[in-house]
Amino acid sequence: MIIIDTRSPLEYQASHVPGAINIAPEQFMVGLPPELAHTPKDEHIVLYCRSGARSNTCSHILSTHGFTNITNGINEGHVTKMLTT
């Protein structure tokens, strides 16, 4: 599973889910982020931001690149809870 924090680098530095990588929406807007270039298309990817809006947009972009196992985790709290249950 790959966890992606789609908030700004400053938001990410303030707090993030352990193990999450930070890829801001701007990076998704210009193409597939290099961090995901060799990721299998069926890898489970969980995205989150502050309210779920940015992660939702990034989820749709990933699906246009052929990714099929994407979860919008909404925010840090939801993803943390999801990982512990």
N, C-alpha and C. Protein backbone atom coordinates (compact mmCIF):
# COMPACT_ATOMS: atom_id res chain seq x y z
N MET A 1 0.85 -1.18 0.00
CA MET A 1 0.00 0.00 0.00
C MET A 1 0.89 1.24 0.00
N ILE A 2 0.50 2.20 -0.81
CA ILE A 2 1.19 3.49 -0.85
C ILE A 2 0.22 4.54 -0.30
N ILE A 3 0.71 5.34 0.63
CA ILE A 3 -0.11 6.41 1.20
C ILE A 3 0.46 7.73 0.71
N ILE A 4 -0.40 8.56 0.12
CA ILE A 4 0.03 9.84 -0.44
C ILE A 4 -0.70 10.98 0.23
N ASP A 5 0.05 11.88 0.80
CA ASP A 5 -0.47 13.12 1.38
C ASP A 5 -0.43 14.16 0.27
N THR A 6 -1.60 14.62 -0.15
CA THR A 6 -1.66 15.55 -1.28
C THR A 6 -1.70 17.02 -0.86
N ARG A 7 -1.35 17.27 0.40
CA ARG A 7 -1.31 18.66 0.86
C ARG A 7 0.01 19.31 0.46
N SER A 8 0.15 20.58 0.77
CA SER A 8 1.38 21.30 0.45
C SER A 8 2.53 20.75 1.31
N PRO A 9 3.76 20.97 0.87
CA PRO A 9 4.90 20.52 1.68
C PRO A 9 4.89 21.09 3.11
N LEU A 10 4.42 22.32 3.29
CA LEU A 10 4.36 22.90 4.63
C LEU A 10 3.35 22.17 5.50
N GLU A 11 2.19 21.83 4.94
CA GLU A 11 1.19 21.08 5.68
C GLU A 11 1.72 19.69 6.04
N TYR A 12 2.41 19.08 5.10
CA TYR A 12 2.99 17.75 5.32
C TYR A 12 4.02 17.79 6.44
N GLN A 13 4.88 18.81 6.42
CA GLN A 13 5.91 18.94 7.45
C GLN A 13 5.30 19.11 8.84
N ALA A 14 4.16 19.76 8.92
CA ALA A 14 3.51 20.00 10.21
C ALA A 14 3.02 18.70 10.84
N SER A 15 2.51 17.79 10.02
CA SER A 15 1.97 16.52 10.51
C SER A 15 1.56 15.67 9.32
N HIS A 16 1.80 14.38 9.41
CA HIS A 16 1.37 13.47 8.36
C HIS A 16 1.30 12.04 8.89
N VAL A 17 0.63 11.20 8.15
CA VAL A 17 0.53 9.78 8.49
C VAL A 17 1.92 9.17 8.34
N PRO A 18 2.39 8.42 9.34
CA PRO A 18 3.70 7.78 9.22
C PRO A 18 3.79 6.92 7.95
N GLY A 19 4.85 7.10 7.21
CA GLY A 19 5.06 6.36 5.97
C GLY A 19 4.47 7.00 4.74
N ALA A 20 3.68 8.06 4.92
CA ALA A 20 3.07 8.74 3.77
C ALA A 20 4.13 9.53 3.01
N ILE A 21 3.97 9.55 1.68
CA ILE A 21 4.82 10.40 0.86
C ILE A 21 4.03 11.64 0.48
N ASN A 22 4.71 12.72 0.25
CA ASN A 22 4.05 13.99 -0.06
C ASN A 22 4.16 14.26 -1.56
N ILE A 23 3.00 14.26 -2.22
CA ILE A 23 2.94 14.64 -3.63
C ILE A 23 1.80 15.65 -3.74
N ALA A 24 2.14 16.91 -3.93
CA ALA A 24 1.15 17.97 -4.01
C ALA A 24 0.36 17.87 -5.32
N PRO A 25 -0.87 18.38 -5.32
CA PRO A 25 -1.72 18.31 -6.52
C PRO A 25 -1.06 18.88 -7.77
N GLU A 26 -0.25 19.91 -7.60
CA GLU A 26 0.41 20.52 -8.76
C GLU A 26 1.24 19.50 -9.53
N GLN A 27 1.82 18.55 -8.82
CA GLN A 27 2.62 17.52 -9.47
C GLN A 27 1.76 16.57 -10.30
N PHE A 28 0.55 16.30 -9.82
CA PHE A 28 -0.37 15.45 -10.58
C PHE A 28 -0.87 16.16 -11.83
N MET A 29 -0.96 17.49 -11.78
CA MET A 29 -1.51 18.27 -12.90
C MET A 29 -0.62 18.25 -14.13
N VAL A 30 0.67 17.96 -13.95
CA VAL A 30 1.59 17.99 -15.09
C VAL A 30 1.93 16.59 -15.60
N GLY A 31 1.28 15.59 -15.06
CA GLY A 31 1.52 14.22 -15.50
C GLY A 31 1.69 13.31 -14.31
N LEU A 32 1.99 12.05 -14.60
CA LEU A 32 2.18 11.08 -13.54
C LEU A 32 3.43 11.44 -12.73
N PRO A 33 3.27 11.63 -11.42
CA PRO A 33 4.44 11.97 -10.59
C PRO A 33 5.52 10.88 -10.70
N PRO A 34 6.77 11.28 -10.78
CA PRO A 34 7.87 10.31 -10.92
C PRO A 34 7.89 9.26 -9.81
N GLU A 35 7.43 9.62 -8.62
CA GLU A 35 7.40 8.67 -7.50
C GLU A 35 6.52 7.46 -7.80
N LEU A 36 5.60 7.60 -8.76
CA LEU A 36 4.66 6.52 -9.07
C LEU A 36 4.93 5.87 -10.43
N ALA A 37 6.00 6.28 -11.08
CA ALA A 37 6.29 5.81 -12.45
C ALA A 37 6.40 4.30 -12.56
N HIS A 38 6.94 3.64 -11.55
CA HIS A 38 7.15 2.19 -11.63
C HIS A 38 6.19 1.42 -10.72
N THR A 39 5.13 2.09 -10.30
CA THR A 39 4.14 1.47 -9.42
C THR A 39 3.17 0.63 -10.24
N PRO A 40 2.94 -0.61 -9.84
CA PRO A 40 1.93 -1.42 -10.55
C PRO A 40 0.56 -0.74 -10.53
N LYS A 41 -0.16 -0.84 -11.62
CA LYS A 41 -1.45 -0.15 -11.75
C LYS A 41 -2.49 -0.66 -10.77
N ASP A 42 -2.30 -1.87 -10.21
CA ASP A 42 -3.27 -2.40 -9.25
C ASP A 42 -2.81 -2.25 -7.80
N GLU A 43 -1.69 -1.56 -7.57
CA GLU A 43 -1.22 -1.29 -6.21
C GLU A 43 -2.27 -0.46 -5.46
N HIS A 44 -2.51 -0.80 -4.20
CA HIS A 44 -3.47 -0.03 -3.41
C HIS A 44 -2.84 1.31 -3.05
N ILE A 45 -3.47 2.39 -3.49
CA ILE A 45 -2.99 3.75 -3.22
C ILE A 45 -4.06 4.48 -2.42
N VAL A 46 -3.66 5.00 -1.27
CA VAL A 46 -4.56 5.77 -0.41
C VAL A 46 -4.08 7.21 -0.46
N LEU A 47 -4.96 8.12 -0.82
CA LEU A 47 -4.64 9.54 -0.87
C LEU A 47 -5.44 10.29 0.18
N TYR A 48 -4.86 11.36 0.72
CA TYR A 48 -5.61 12.19 1.66
C TYR A 48 -5.07 13.61 1.61
N CYS A 49 -5.87 14.53 2.14
CA CYS A 49 -5.48 15.94 2.26
C CYS A 49 -6.09 16.47 3.56
N ARG A 50 -6.66 17.65 3.53
CA ARG A 50 -7.29 18.19 4.74
C ARG A 50 -8.78 17.89 4.75
N SER A 51 -9.43 18.05 3.59
CA SER A 51 -10.89 17.87 3.54
C SER A 51 -11.34 16.77 2.59
N GLY A 52 -10.43 16.24 1.81
CA GLY A 52 -10.79 15.22 0.83
C GLY A 52 -10.91 15.74 -0.59
N ALA A 53 -10.93 17.05 -0.77
CA ALA A 53 -11.10 17.62 -2.11
C ALA A 53 -9.86 17.42 -2.99
N ARG A 54 -8.70 17.78 -2.48
CA ARG A 54 -7.47 17.63 -3.27
C ARG A 54 -7.18 16.16 -3.54
N SER A 55 -7.36 15.33 -2.53
CA SER A 55 -7.09 13.91 -2.73
C SER A 55 -8.08 13.30 -3.72
N ASN A 56 -9.31 13.78 -3.74
CA ASN A 56 -10.29 13.30 -4.71
C ASN A 56 -9.86 13.66 -6.12
N THR A 57 -9.42 14.88 -6.32
CA THR A 57 -8.94 15.31 -7.64
C THR A 57 -7.77 14.45 -8.08
N CYS A 58 -6.82 14.23 -7.18
CA CYS A 58 -5.65 13.42 -7.51
C CYS A 58 -6.03 11.98 -7.79
N SER A 59 -7.05 11.46 -7.10
CA SER A 59 -7.54 10.10 -7.36
C SER A 59 -8.05 9.98 -8.79
N HIS A 60 -8.80 10.97 -9.23
CA HIS A 60 -9.32 10.96 -10.60
C HIS A 60 -8.19 11.02 -11.61
N ILE A 61 -7.18 11.81 -11.34
CA ILE A 61 -6.03 11.90 -12.25
C ILE A 61 -5.32 10.55 -12.32
N LEU A 62 -5.13 9.91 -11.17
CA LEU A 62 -4.47 8.60 -11.18
C LEU A 62 -5.28 7.58 -11.99
N SER A 63 -6.59 7.65 -11.90
CA SER A 63 -7.40 6.70 -12.65
C SER A 63 -7.25 6.91 -14.16
N THR A 64 -7.01 8.15 -14.59
CA THR A 64 -6.78 8.40 -16.02
C THR A 64 -5.44 7.82 -16.48
N HIS A 65 -4.54 7.56 -15.54
CA HIS A 65 -3.25 6.94 -15.85
C HIS A 65 -3.33 5.41 -15.71
N GLY A 66 -4.53 4.89 -15.47
CA GLY A 66 -4.73 3.45 -15.45
C GLY A 66 -4.68 2.79 -14.09
N PHE A 67 -4.55 3.57 -13.01
CA PHE A 67 -4.54 2.98 -11.68
C PHE A 67 -5.95 2.56 -11.31
N THR A 68 -6.07 1.40 -10.68
CA THR A 68 -7.39 0.81 -10.45
C THR A 68 -7.75 0.57 -8.99
N ASN A 69 -6.81 0.73 -8.07
CA ASN A 69 -7.07 0.42 -6.66
C ASN A 69 -6.77 1.65 -5.82
N ILE A 70 -7.63 2.65 -5.93
CA ILE A 70 -7.41 3.95 -5.32
C ILE A 70 -8.47 4.20 -4.25
N THR A 71 -8.02 4.69 -3.09
CA THR A 71 -8.93 5.05 -2.01
C THR A 71 -8.70 6.50 -1.63
N ASN A 72 -9.78 7.28 -1.58
CA ASN A 72 -9.69 8.64 -1.05
C ASN A 72 -9.88 8.52 0.46
N GLY A 73 -8.77 8.64 1.20
CA GLY A 73 -8.82 8.51 2.65
C GLY A 73 -9.32 9.74 3.36
N ILE A 74 -9.67 10.77 2.64
CA ILE A 74 -10.21 12.04 3.11
C ILE A 74 -9.15 12.88 3.82
N ASN A 75 -8.79 12.51 5.07
CA ASN A 75 -7.83 13.33 5.81
C ASN A 75 -6.93 12.44 6.67
N GLU A 76 -5.97 13.07 7.33
CA GLU A 76 -4.99 12.34 8.13
C GLU A 76 -5.64 11.48 9.21
N GLY A 77 -6.65 12.02 9.87
CA GLY A 77 -7.34 11.28 10.92
C GLY A 77 -8.02 10.03 10.40
N HIS A 78 -8.72 10.16 9.28
CA HIS A 78 -9.40 8.99 8.69
C HIS A 78 -8.41 7.92 8.29
N VAL A 79 -7.30 8.33 7.68
CA VAL A 79 -6.32 7.34 7.22
C VAL A 79 -5.66 6.66 8.43
N THR A 80 -5.33 7.42 9.44
CA THR A 80 -4.74 6.83 10.64
C THR A 80 -5.68 5.80 11.25
N LYS A 81 -6.96 6.14 11.33
CA LYS A 81 -7.95 5.21 11.87
C LYS A 81 -8.08 3.98 10.98
N MET A 82 -8.06 4.17 9.68
CA MET A 82 -8.18 3.08 8.73
C MET A 82 -7.01 2.10 8.89
N LEU A 83 -5.83 2.62 9.18
CA LEU A 83 -4.64 1.79 9.32
C LEU A 83 -4.60 1.02 10.64
N THR A 84 -5.34 1.50 11.63
CA THR A 84 -5.28 0.87 12.95
C THR A 84 -6.46 -0.07 13.20
N THR A 85 -7.41 -0.13 12.27
CA THR A 85 -8.55 -1.04 12.47
C THR A 85 -8.47 -2.24 11.57
